[in-house]
Protein backbone atom coordinates (compact mmCIF):
# COMPACT_ATOMS: atom_id res chain seq x y z
CA MET A 1 17.39 129.29 14.83
CA PRO A 2 14.88 130.15 17.56
CA LYS A 3 13.47 128.31 20.52
CA ILE A 4 9.68 127.78 20.51
CA VAL A 5 7.75 128.03 23.78
CA LEU A 6 4.08 127.09 24.20
CA GLU A 7 2.42 128.08 27.49
CA LYS A 8 -1.05 126.82 28.52
CA ILE A 9 -2.15 126.47 24.90
CA THR A 10 -5.76 125.33 24.45
CA LYS A 11 -7.81 124.94 21.30
CA ARG A 12 -11.50 124.26 21.74
CA TRP A 13 -14.53 123.98 19.50
CA LYS A 14 -17.57 124.25 21.77
CA LYS A 15 -17.06 121.32 24.21
CA PHE A 16 -14.48 119.51 22.10
CA TYR A 17 -10.91 120.17 23.23
CA ALA A 18 -8.49 119.50 20.35
CA VAL A 19 -5.59 120.62 22.52
CA GLU A 20 -5.84 121.12 26.29
CA ASN A 21 -3.50 123.18 28.46
CA LEU A 22 -0.33 122.30 26.53
CA ASP A 23 3.08 123.42 27.84
CA LEU A 24 5.93 122.67 25.45
CA VAL A 25 9.48 123.93 24.83
CA ILE A 26 11.10 123.13 21.49
CA GLU A 27 14.81 123.89 21.74
CA ASP A 28 16.91 125.58 19.09
CA ASN A 29 17.99 123.16 16.28
CA ALA A 30 15.78 120.36 17.64
CA PHE A 31 14.01 117.79 15.50
CA VAL A 32 10.69 117.29 17.34
CA THR A 33 7.99 114.90 16.18
CA LEU A 34 4.40 115.44 17.24
CA LEU A 35 3.14 111.88 17.48
CA GLY A 36 -0.22 110.36 18.22
CA PRO A 37 -3.29 108.64 16.77
CA SER A 38 -5.60 110.35 14.26
CA GLY A 39 -7.57 113.17 15.85
CA CYS A 40 -5.27 113.51 18.89
CA GLY A 41 -4.44 117.21 18.27
CA LYS A 42 -0.93 117.00 16.79
CA THR A 43 -1.73 118.78 13.49
CA THR A 44 -3.79 121.39 15.33
CA THR A 45 -0.75 122.06 17.57
CA LEU A 46 1.48 122.46 14.51
CA ARG A 47 -0.98 124.81 12.80
CA MET A 48 -1.28 126.96 15.93
CA ILE A 49 2.53 127.42 16.11
CA ALA A 50 2.64 128.25 12.39
CA GLY A 51 -0.21 130.75 12.67
CA LEU A 52 -2.64 128.79 10.49
CA GLU A 53 -4.96 128.15 13.46
CA THR A 54 -5.81 130.54 16.31
CA PRO A 55 -5.63 129.06 19.85
CA THR A 56 -8.55 129.60 22.19
CA GLU A 57 -6.14 130.70 24.89
CA GLY A 58 -2.47 130.58 25.85
CA ARG A 59 0.82 132.10 24.68
CA ILE A 60 3.30 131.17 21.92
CA THR A 61 6.84 132.55 21.63
CA ILE A 62 9.18 131.97 18.68
CA GLY A 63 12.71 133.10 19.55
CA ASP A 64 12.39 136.42 21.39
CA LYS A 65 9.09 137.36 19.71
CA VAL A 66 5.64 136.64 21.17
CA VAL A 67 3.53 135.58 18.17
CA PHE A 68 0.34 134.78 20.13
CA ASP A 69 -1.00 135.84 23.51
CA SER A 70 -4.70 135.52 24.23
CA GLU A 71 -4.56 137.88 27.22
CA ALA A 72 -2.51 140.59 25.47
CA GLY A 73 -4.48 140.29 22.21
CA ILE A 74 -1.38 139.44 20.14
CA ASN A 75 -1.76 137.27 17.06
CA VAL A 76 1.03 137.63 14.46
CA PRO A 77 -0.15 136.36 11.06
CA ALA A 78 1.48 133.27 9.55
CA ASN A 79 3.34 135.18 6.80
CA LYS A 80 5.06 137.31 9.48
CA ARG A 81 6.31 134.39 11.57
CA LYS A 82 9.14 133.43 9.16
CA VAL A 83 8.33 129.74 9.24
CA GLY A 84 8.17 127.18 6.45
CA PHE A 85 5.37 124.66 6.01
CA LEU A 86 5.59 121.35 4.17
CA PHE A 87 2.27 119.67 3.60
CA GLN A 88 1.23 116.08 2.98
CA ASN A 89 0.17 117.24 -0.49
CA TYR A 90 3.20 118.53 -2.41
CA ALA A 91 1.08 121.43 -3.81
CA LEU A 92 3.40 122.04 -6.78
CA TRP A 93 2.26 124.19 -9.72
CA PRO A 94 1.82 121.73 -12.60
CA ASN A 95 2.33 124.40 -15.27
CA MET A 96 5.67 125.59 -13.76
CA THR A 97 9.13 124.03 -14.04
CA VAL A 98 10.94 122.82 -10.94
CA TYR A 99 12.98 126.05 -10.99
CA ASP A 100 9.89 128.25 -11.13
CA ASN A 101 8.12 126.26 -8.42
CA ILE A 102 11.05 126.83 -6.05
CA ALA A 103 11.45 130.49 -7.04
CA PHE A 104 7.72 131.31 -6.88
CA GLY A 105 7.62 132.34 -3.22
CA LEU A 106 10.95 134.19 -3.39
CA LYS A 107 9.66 136.56 -6.08
CA ASN A 108 6.85 137.73 -3.79
CA ILE A 109 9.10 138.70 -0.87
CA ASN A 110 9.09 142.46 -0.33
CA GLU A 111 10.50 143.45 3.03
CA PRO A 112 13.39 145.46 4.57
CA LYS A 113 16.62 143.82 3.52
CA GLU A 114 20.33 144.56 3.46
CA THR A 115 21.69 145.67 0.08
CA TYR A 116 24.56 144.14 -1.89
CA ASP A 117 26.52 145.14 -4.96
CA PHE A 118 26.06 141.90 -6.85
CA GLU A 119 27.80 143.14 -9.98
CA ALA A 120 30.96 143.86 -7.98
CA LYS A 121 30.61 140.55 -6.17
CA ASN A 122 30.28 138.63 -9.43
CA ASN A 123 33.28 140.43 -10.94
CA ALA A 124 35.38 139.50 -7.91
CA ARG A 125 34.20 135.89 -8.12
CA LEU A 126 34.99 135.69 -11.85
CA ILE A 127 38.49 137.07 -11.23
CA GLU A 128 39.05 134.36 -8.63
CA ILE A 129 37.76 131.58 -10.91
CA LEU A 130 39.80 132.75 -13.89
CA LYS A 131 43.02 132.27 -11.94
CA ASP A 132 42.64 128.61 -12.97
CA PRO A 133 41.41 128.70 -16.58
CA GLN A 134 42.46 125.08 -17.18
CA GLY A 135 40.18 123.97 -14.36
CA VAL A 136 37.26 125.81 -15.97
CA LYS A 137 38.08 124.26 -19.34
CA GLY A 138 38.12 120.82 -17.73
CA VAL A 139 34.66 121.32 -16.24
CA ILE A 140 33.27 122.38 -19.63
CA GLU A 141 35.05 119.63 -21.60
CA ASP A 142 33.50 117.00 -19.33
CA CYS A 143 30.12 118.01 -20.79
CA ARG A 144 30.86 116.87 -24.35
CA ASP A 145 28.93 113.87 -25.70
CA LYS A 146 30.44 110.81 -27.39
CA LYS A 147 30.56 112.69 -30.74
CA GLY A 148 32.43 115.58 -29.16
CA ALA A 149 29.54 118.05 -29.24
CA LEU A 150 29.29 120.35 -26.22
CA ASP A 151 26.09 120.18 -24.15
CA LYS A 152 25.97 123.88 -23.18
CA LYS A 153 23.02 123.43 -20.82
CA LYS A 154 24.80 120.67 -18.95
CA ALA A 155 28.01 122.74 -18.87
CA VAL A 156 26.21 125.72 -17.31
CA ILE A 157 24.71 123.46 -14.59
CA LYS A 158 28.12 121.89 -13.88
CA LEU A 159 29.75 125.34 -13.58
CA ILE A 160 27.01 126.39 -11.15
CA ASP A 161 27.57 123.34 -8.96
CA THR A 162 31.38 123.40 -9.19
CA TYR A 163 31.88 127.07 -8.35
CA THR A 164 28.66 127.80 -6.40
CA ILE A 165 27.61 130.64 -8.68
CA SER A 166 24.36 131.87 -10.21
CA MET A 167 23.18 130.92 -13.69
CA MET A 168 23.87 134.45 -14.95
CA THR A 169 27.49 134.27 -13.76
CA ALA A 170 27.91 130.76 -15.21
CA LYS A 171 26.61 131.87 -18.63
CA LYS A 172 29.02 134.82 -18.55
CA LEU A 173 31.87 132.45 -17.74
CA MET A 174 30.83 130.16 -20.63
CA GLY A 175 31.03 133.10 -23.02
CA TYR A 176 34.67 133.93 -22.23
CA ASP A 177 37.58 132.95 -24.41
CA LEU A 178 39.50 131.11 -21.67
CA ASP A 179 42.75 131.33 -23.66
CA LYS A 180 42.59 135.08 -22.90
CA ALA A 181 41.85 134.58 -19.17
CA ALA A 182 44.64 136.95 -18.06
CA SER A 183 43.42 139.90 -20.15
CA ILE A 184 39.78 139.25 -19.16
CA SER A 185 40.82 139.30 -15.51
CA LYS A 186 42.52 142.66 -15.98
CA GLU A 187 39.36 144.14 -17.53
CA LEU A 188 37.28 142.75 -14.61
CA GLU A 189 39.75 144.18 -12.07
CA ALA A 190 39.45 147.59 -13.68
CA LYS A 191 35.63 147.40 -13.49
CA LEU A 192 35.81 146.26 -9.85
CA ASN A 193 38.14 149.11 -8.88
CA SER A 194 35.83 151.59 -10.60
CA GLN A 195 32.80 150.17 -8.68
CA LEU A 196 34.67 150.41 -5.37
CA ALA A 197 35.65 154.01 -6.19
CA ASP A 198 31.99 154.88 -6.92
CA HIS A 199 30.95 153.54 -3.50
CA LYS A 200 33.71 155.47 -1.79
CA ALA A 201 32.57 158.67 -3.46
CA LYS A 202 29.10 158.09 -1.95
CA GLY A 203 30.57 157.51 1.51
CA GLU A 204 29.93 153.76 1.26
CA THR A 205 32.14 150.70 1.72
CA LEU A 206 31.70 147.01 0.91
CA ASP A 207 32.36 144.20 3.36
CA ALA A 208 33.87 140.81 2.48
CA ASP A 209 30.49 139.59 1.19
CA TYR A 210 30.01 142.83 -0.86
CA ARG A 211 27.26 144.08 1.43
CA ILE A 212 26.91 147.88 1.19
CA LEU A 213 27.81 149.70 4.42
CA LYS A 214 27.34 153.35 5.36
CA ASN A 215 29.03 154.66 8.49
CA GLY A 216 29.97 151.05 9.19
CA LYS A 217 26.34 149.82 9.21
CA PRO A 218 24.51 147.83 6.53
CA VAL A 219 22.21 149.82 4.27
CA VAL A 220 18.70 148.42 4.71
CA VAL A 221 15.83 149.21 2.30
CA LYS A 222 12.44 147.66 1.64
CA ARG A 223 12.87 145.79 -1.58
CA LYS A 224 12.20 142.63 -3.57
CA LEU A 225 14.91 140.06 -4.16
CA THR A 226 17.00 140.62 -7.24
CA ARG A 227 17.13 138.01 -10.03
CA GLU A 228 20.61 137.20 -8.81
CA GLU A 229 19.45 136.59 -5.23
CA VAL A 230 16.52 134.45 -6.36
CA ASP A 231 18.75 132.36 -8.58
CA LEU A 232 21.39 131.87 -5.88
CA ALA A 233 18.71 130.81 -3.37
CA VAL A 234 17.16 128.34 -5.83
CA ARG A 235 20.57 126.85 -6.72
CA ARG A 236 21.55 126.64 -3.05
CA VAL A 237 18.50 124.58 -1.98
CA SER A 238 18.59 122.47 -5.15
CA ARG A 239 22.10 121.35 -4.16
CA ILE A 240 20.93 120.56 -0.64
CA VAL A 241 18.12 118.26 -1.80
CA LYS A 242 19.99 117.05 -4.91
CA ILE A 243 17.57 118.08 -7.66
CA GLY A 244 19.81 120.41 -9.68
CA MET A 245 19.47 118.19 -12.78
CA PHE A 246 15.66 118.50 -12.82
CA MET A 247 15.34 122.28 -12.95
CA ASP A 248 13.71 122.43 -16.42
CA ARG A 249 11.31 119.54 -15.82
CA TYR A 250 7.66 119.81 -14.83
CA PRO A 251 6.17 118.10 -11.74
CA ALA A 252 4.37 115.49 -13.87
CA GLU A 253 7.75 114.35 -15.19
CA LEU A 254 9.07 113.59 -11.70
CA SER A 255 8.65 110.62 -9.38
CA GLY A 256 6.93 111.02 -6.00
CA GLY A 257 10.25 111.25 -4.19
CA GLN A 258 11.56 113.87 -6.58
CA GLN A 259 8.35 115.92 -6.20
CA GLN A 260 8.79 115.76 -2.45
CA ARG A 261 12.34 117.06 -2.79
CA VAL A 262 11.05 119.98 -4.84
CA ALA A 263 8.47 120.77 -2.17
CA ILE A 264 11.22 120.65 0.50
CA ALA A 265 13.46 122.94 -1.59
CA ARG A 266 10.64 125.44 -2.08
CA THR A 267 10.05 125.51 1.67
CA LEU A 268 13.77 125.96 2.45
CA ALA A 269 14.42 128.67 -0.17
CA PRO A 270 13.21 131.68 1.91
CA GLU A 271 15.41 130.42 4.81
CA PRO A 272 12.57 130.05 7.36
CA SER A 273 13.46 130.19 11.04
CA VAL A 274 11.46 126.99 11.68
CA LEU A 275 10.37 124.22 9.29
CA PHE A 276 7.01 122.59 9.95
CA MET A 277 6.16 119.27 8.26
CA ASP A 278 2.71 117.66 8.33
CA GLU A 279 3.07 113.96 7.44
CA PRO A 280 5.17 114.80 4.32
CA LEU A 281 6.13 111.19 3.52
CA SER A 282 2.74 109.50 3.82
CA ASN A 283 2.14 109.55 0.02
CA LEU A 284 5.35 107.65 -0.74
CA ASP A 285 5.86 103.88 -0.99
CA ALA A 286 7.62 102.06 1.86
CA LYS A 287 11.09 101.94 0.25
CA LEU A 288 11.07 105.55 -0.85
CA ARG A 289 9.74 106.63 2.55
CA LEU A 290 12.73 105.01 4.22
CA GLU A 291 15.14 106.76 1.84
CA MET A 292 13.48 110.13 2.45
CA ARG A 293 13.82 109.65 6.25
CA TYR A 294 17.63 109.54 5.73
CA GLU A 295 17.39 112.64 3.56
CA LEU A 296 15.43 114.54 6.24
CA GLN A 297 18.02 113.55 8.85
CA ARG A 298 20.82 114.85 6.63
CA LEU A 299 18.80 118.00 5.81
CA HIS A 300 18.35 118.76 9.50
CA VAL A 301 22.08 118.55 10.14
CA GLU A 302 23.11 120.54 7.06
CA THR A 303 20.60 123.39 7.48
CA GLY A 304 20.84 123.67 11.28
CA SER A 305 17.10 124.50 11.28
CA THR A 306 14.51 123.65 13.89
CA PHE A 307 12.22 120.91 12.52
CA VAL A 308 8.73 120.22 13.88
CA TYR A 309 7.29 117.09 12.27
CA VAL A 310 3.78 115.66 12.54
CA THR A 311 3.28 111.91 12.10
CA HIS A 312 1.10 109.05 13.33
CA ASP A 313 3.84 106.56 12.30
CA GLN A 314 5.80 105.76 15.46
CA MET A 315 8.69 104.31 13.39
CA GLU A 316 9.18 107.69 11.71
CA ALA A 317 9.09 109.42 15.07
CA MET A 318 11.61 107.02 16.63
CA THR A 319 14.07 107.19 13.75
CA LEU A 320 13.96 110.93 12.97
CA ALA A 321 13.40 112.86 16.16
CA THR A 322 15.66 114.24 18.82
CA SER A 323 12.53 114.46 20.97
CA ILE A 324 9.09 112.91 20.70
CA CYS A 325 6.00 114.79 21.83
CA LEU A 326 3.28 112.14 22.25
CA ILE A 327 -0.30 113.45 22.42
CA ASN A 328 -3.61 111.68 23.05
CA ASN A 329 -7.07 113.26 23.19
CA GLY A 330 -5.44 116.72 23.12
CA VAL A 331 -3.32 116.06 26.24
CA LEU A 332 0.47 115.72 26.31
CA GLN A 333 1.36 112.22 27.43
CA GLN A 334 5.18 112.35 27.25
CA TYR A 335 7.90 114.61 25.85
CA ASP A 336 11.27 112.89 25.83
CA ALA A 337 14.08 111.49 23.69
CA PRO A 338 12.92 108.52 21.55
CA LEU A 339 14.73 105.83 23.53
CA THR A 340 13.43 107.27 26.81
CA VAL A 341 9.89 107.08 25.48
CA TYR A 342 10.49 103.48 24.40
CA ASN A 343 12.27 102.25 27.53
CA ARG A 344 10.46 104.29 30.18
CA PRO A 345 6.97 105.22 29.00
CA ASN A 346 4.94 107.41 31.34
CA ASN A 347 1.82 105.29 31.07
CA LEU A 348 0.09 102.38 29.35
CA PHE A 349 -0.93 104.46 26.33
CA VAL A 350 2.66 105.53 25.58
CA ALA A 351 3.94 101.96 26.05
CA ASP A 352 1.28 100.62 23.67
CA PHE A 353 1.70 103.32 20.99
CA VAL A 354 5.47 103.17 20.68
CA GLY A 355 7.04 99.91 19.57
CA ASN A 356 6.71 97.57 16.61
CA PRO A 357 5.67 94.80 17.16
CA SER A 358 3.52 96.13 19.99
CA ILE A 359 4.27 95.56 23.64
CA ASN A 360 2.71 92.63 25.49
CA PHE A 361 0.40 93.56 28.36
CA ILE A 362 -0.18 90.97 31.11
CA GLU A 363 -2.73 91.67 33.83
CA THR A 364 -1.55 90.51 37.23
CA HIS A 365 -2.10 90.76 40.96
CA GLY A 366 0.44 90.44 43.74
CA GLU A 367 1.83 91.64 47.03
CA GLN A 368 5.27 93.01 47.79
CA ASP A 369 7.54 90.83 49.96
CA PRO A 370 9.80 92.31 52.67
CA ASP A 371 12.82 91.94 50.40
CA GLY A 372 11.22 94.32 47.84
CA SER A 373 10.34 91.70 45.24
CA VAL A 374 6.74 91.16 44.16
CA LYS A 375 5.09 87.73 43.76
CA LEU A 376 2.70 87.95 40.78
CA ASP A 377 -0.03 85.71 39.46
CA VAL A 378 0.15 85.79 35.64
CA LEU A 379 -1.31 84.18 32.52
CA GLY A 380 -3.97 81.99 34.12
CA GLY A 381 -2.45 80.77 37.37
CA ASN A 382 1.33 80.88 36.78
CA THR A 383 3.42 82.51 39.51
CA VAL A 384 6.47 84.67 38.78
CA THR A 385 8.62 87.01 40.86
CA PHE A 386 9.21 90.61 39.77
CA HIS A 387 12.50 92.15 40.99
CA PRO A 388 12.54 95.99 40.70
CA ASN A 389 15.78 97.52 39.40
CA ALA A 390 15.76 100.02 42.28
CA PRO A 391 14.19 99.76 45.76
CA ILE A 392 10.56 100.90 45.77
CA ASP A 393 7.80 100.88 48.41
CA LEU A 394 4.64 100.04 46.47
CA ALA A 395 2.34 100.91 49.40
CA ALA A 396 3.88 104.43 49.56
CA TRP A 397 3.62 104.70 45.75
CA ASN A 398 -0.11 103.84 45.93
CA ALA A 399 -0.67 106.44 48.65
CA GLU A 400 1.07 109.10 46.52
CA ARG A 401 -1.04 108.11 43.52
CA ASP A 402 -4.28 108.49 45.52
CA GLU A 403 -3.14 111.89 46.74
CA LEU A 404 -2.43 113.05 43.18
CA LEU A 405 -5.82 111.82 42.02
CA VAL A 406 -7.53 113.82 44.80
CA LYS A 407 -5.53 116.94 43.97
CA ASP A 408 -6.40 116.60 40.26
CA ALA A 409 -10.11 116.29 41.12
CA GLU A 410 -9.88 119.37 43.36
CA TYR A 411 -8.06 121.36 40.63
CA ARG A 412 -10.78 120.51 38.08
CA ALA A 413 -13.50 121.40 40.55
CA GLU A 414 -11.90 124.85 41.09
CA LEU A 415 -11.48 125.23 37.33
CA ALA A 416 -15.17 124.57 36.81
CA LYS A 417 -16.02 127.53 39.04
CA GLN A 418 -14.14 130.03 36.87
CA LYS A 419 -16.04 132.34 34.55
CA GLY A 420 -16.21 131.13 30.98
CA TYR A 421 -15.20 127.58 31.86
CA VAL A 422 -16.42 124.95 29.39
CA GLU A 423 -16.49 121.35 30.50
CA LYS A 424 -14.50 119.00 28.29
CA GLY A 425 -16.82 116.87 26.19
CA ASN A 426 -14.18 114.40 25.04
CA LYS A 427 -13.45 113.05 28.51
CA ASP A 428 -10.00 111.73 29.49
CA GLU A 429 -10.00 108.09 30.56
CA VAL A 430 -7.43 105.55 31.63
CA PHE A 431 -6.18 103.85 28.46
CA ARG A 432 -8.00 100.63 27.61
CA TYR A 433 -5.20 98.30 26.65
CA ASN A 434 -5.67 95.06 24.78
CA ILE A 435 -4.95 91.63 26.24
CA ALA A 436 -4.35 89.24 23.35
CA LYS A 437 -6.17 85.92 23.74
CA VAL A 438 -6.73 82.90 21.56
CA GLU A 439 -10.47 83.62 21.57
CA GLU A 440 -11.08 87.37 21.56
CA GLU A 441 -13.82 88.57 23.90
CA ASP A 442 -16.19 91.52 23.42
CA THR A 443 -15.14 93.70 26.35
CA SER A 444 -17.61 96.46 25.44
CA ILE A 445 -20.49 94.56 27.07
CA GLU A 446 -18.59 93.66 30.24
CA ASP A 447 -19.03 95.59 33.47
CA GLU A 448 -16.11 97.72 34.57
CA PRO A 449 -13.84 95.58 36.78
CA VAL A 450 -13.27 96.53 40.39
CA ILE A 451 -9.61 97.44 40.64
CA VAL A 452 -7.83 97.35 43.99
CA ASP A 453 -4.31 97.98 45.26
CA GLY A 454 -2.10 95.15 44.14
CA ASP A 455 -3.62 95.05 40.63
CA TYR A 456 -0.86 95.70 38.11
CA VAL A 457 -0.10 95.38 34.41
CA LEU A 458 3.22 94.00 33.21
CA GLY A 459 4.61 95.44 29.99
CA VAL A 460 6.94 93.07 28.15
CA ARG A 461 8.56 94.16 24.88
CA PRO A 462 8.67 91.31 22.28
CA GLU A 463 12.48 91.21 22.26
CA PHE A 464 12.50 90.23 25.96
CA ILE A 465 10.66 86.94 25.41
CA ARG A 466 12.93 83.92 24.95
CA LEU A 467 12.37 80.27 24.13
CA GLY A 468 14.29 77.65 26.06
CA GLU A 469 14.20 74.52 28.17
CA ASN A 470 12.95 76.25 31.32
CA GLY A 471 10.05 78.55 32.03
CA LEU A 472 6.32 78.66 31.38
CA ASP A 473 4.70 76.09 29.11
CA GLY A 474 4.05 77.57 25.68
CA GLU A 475 3.03 76.63 22.16
CA ILE A 476 4.05 78.21 18.83
CA TYR A 477 0.74 79.65 17.63
CA GLY A 478 2.11 81.60 14.66
CA ALA A 479 5.50 82.34 13.07
CA MET A 480 6.54 84.99 10.56
CA PRO A 481 10.21 84.69 9.49
CA THR A 482 11.63 87.81 7.81
CA GLY A 483 15.24 86.72 7.28
CA MET A 484 17.34 87.94 10.18
CA GLU A 485 14.52 87.49 12.68
CA SER A 486 11.15 85.85 13.26
CA THR A 487 8.07 87.30 14.88
CA LEU A 488 6.27 84.65 16.91
CA LYS A 489 2.84 84.35 18.48
CA ILE A 490 3.21 82.13 21.55
CA ARG A 491 0.22 80.62 23.31
CA VAL A 492 0.36 80.35 27.11
CA GLY A 493 -2.92 78.91 28.34
CA GLU A 494 -5.60 81.05 26.66
CA PHE A 495 -3.28 84.04 26.27
CA LEU A 496 -1.11 85.05 23.29
CA LEU A 497 2.26 86.71 23.59
CA THR A 498 4.29 88.26 20.76
CA GLY A 499 8.03 87.56 20.69
CA VAL A 500 10.87 88.52 18.36
CA VAL A 501 13.60 85.91 17.97
CA PHE A 502 16.75 86.75 16.06
CA GLY A 503 18.26 84.20 13.66
CA ASP A 504 17.05 82.16 10.68
CA THR A 505 15.51 79.26 12.64
CA LEU A 506 12.21 77.96 11.25
CA TYR A 507 9.49 77.37 13.85
CA THR A 508 6.71 74.84 13.46
CA ILE A 509 3.20 75.96 14.36
CA GLY A 510 1.83 73.79 17.13
CA SER A 511 5.23 72.82 18.55
CA GLN A 512 5.71 73.03 22.32
CA SER A 513 8.32 75.22 23.98
CA LYS A 514 9.18 76.77 27.31
CA ILE A 515 9.30 80.57 27.53
CA HIS A 516 10.94 82.95 29.96
CA PHE A 517 11.55 86.71 30.17
CA THR A 518 15.02 88.15 29.88
CA GLY A 519 16.65 91.48 30.76
CA SER A 520 15.83 94.12 33.33
CA SER A 521 13.52 96.30 31.24
CA ILE A 522 10.20 94.59 32.07
CA MET A 523 7.76 97.37 33.03
CA LEU A 524 5.31 97.40 35.94
CA PHE A 525 2.27 99.66 35.52
CA ASP A 526 -0.47 100.61 38.00
CA ARG A 527 -3.74 99.24 36.69
CA LYS A 528 -5.89 101.83 38.46
CA SER A 529 -4.21 104.96 37.05
CA GLY A 530 -2.39 103.45 34.08
CA ARG A 531 0.86 105.09 35.25
CA TYR A 532 4.34 103.58 35.00
CA ILE A 533 5.72 102.44 38.37
CA THR A 534 9.15 100.91 37.75
CA SER A 535 11.14 98.49 35.64
CA GLY A 536 12.82 95.26 36.64
CA SER A 537 13.35 91.62 35.82
CA ILE A 538 11.06 88.58 36.02
CA GLU A 539 12.06 85.27 37.56
CA VAL A 540 9.93 82.38 36.39
């Protein structure tokens, strides 16, 4: 499967930038989720790679083929990119059976393809199967009902699944008198030898897969798929997604999960080089959605395909992906492995978007001591000490930040001078995080605060908050037990913190408790730029 490379991809409608200057490399056999809030540009990015949307500028390469280049005037249409697309809507034909829905796209393929002698291949396969006639009899006999009547339809399906053959070959096998397997095999061997002789007379040979070769090279002709090829492809993908027993049903007779499996099978049948999925599980209930996540994981491993998956559900992204591409306002925020995004987010937006329950943000101010620790004023006058995991000079970090901000302003000023430049209407701003309080305040009418060096934001994941005998004074403001854990709202002064406590303890609302912060994964963010600085531990 190919690698996908996006270079300086931009999609703009007048002054609205859906995607801005995106550089992205999706490795071979990766499972990448495009994650972000509604309207962030993730679906637009997916559609541009697939060829359903034309970028304003940039370059897209799939494998060794450039499929879009604004400067070179290249724009390969979607049907020539050999990609599969799975939509939020299953888009199944209601008047077609499951089999016909999967086979529909295969019947329209007409392109240069290698040729096979399927009749010779089937004869060879039947000879091999008939070496064990008792095994074939056993498969068929298992399909008798309680009264001893043979369910021929069920027997054909079981033969297909047992021996990985097409329906036509299975029906032929069903029609044989298996007590005469030896004589049938001799007749088939004679036919096979005759077929091989005919190819030899034409200067052709057959390889191990019965592909026709001439002068040692495969014979390639522009053709449609044969009925045999269509059937084999349909049966192959039906086994992968486990819907072989539903082939004669209609979509209305299937559950939502089964319909989704049919849509996946239809997408996989043409063996696309890349599989694109646009929120394919959003129509399913919570339990079925969880089950389908496991199925997609298994499907990714079994097919070896490259998956690109759009979702706004961060739990789906965390559980499915090998890499998460997090986008906001058309701009790439972070592209990393799920646990890296969770444990070391690039900025406040990433930290807030990933994690359930959400991260706690605590505004603070402090100065760094000579020993490298930072004394911080938190939660209405409490003092704590932040110990970075690795030595860091915050004054030097601030100077580097200011230099980067100046360089970014200069770059945008130069960009504005270029011919054809269009100023971005949907301006990029530092993420406005939420500080949970007992009495919520309307921050929209407040003046912008003056932020100075030494103003920081602490990011504390709920699992790092602990109750105990020592620490800050707190009060249980809310408690939601779920069995193996409880999610708590803890009041500290006028602020609310969310904590996750494992165990089946029941907590009484209004009870007093001390809280402290555990572990070395407490994050320190720069309030001015919103950027991540470092992680460390907090001493109360």
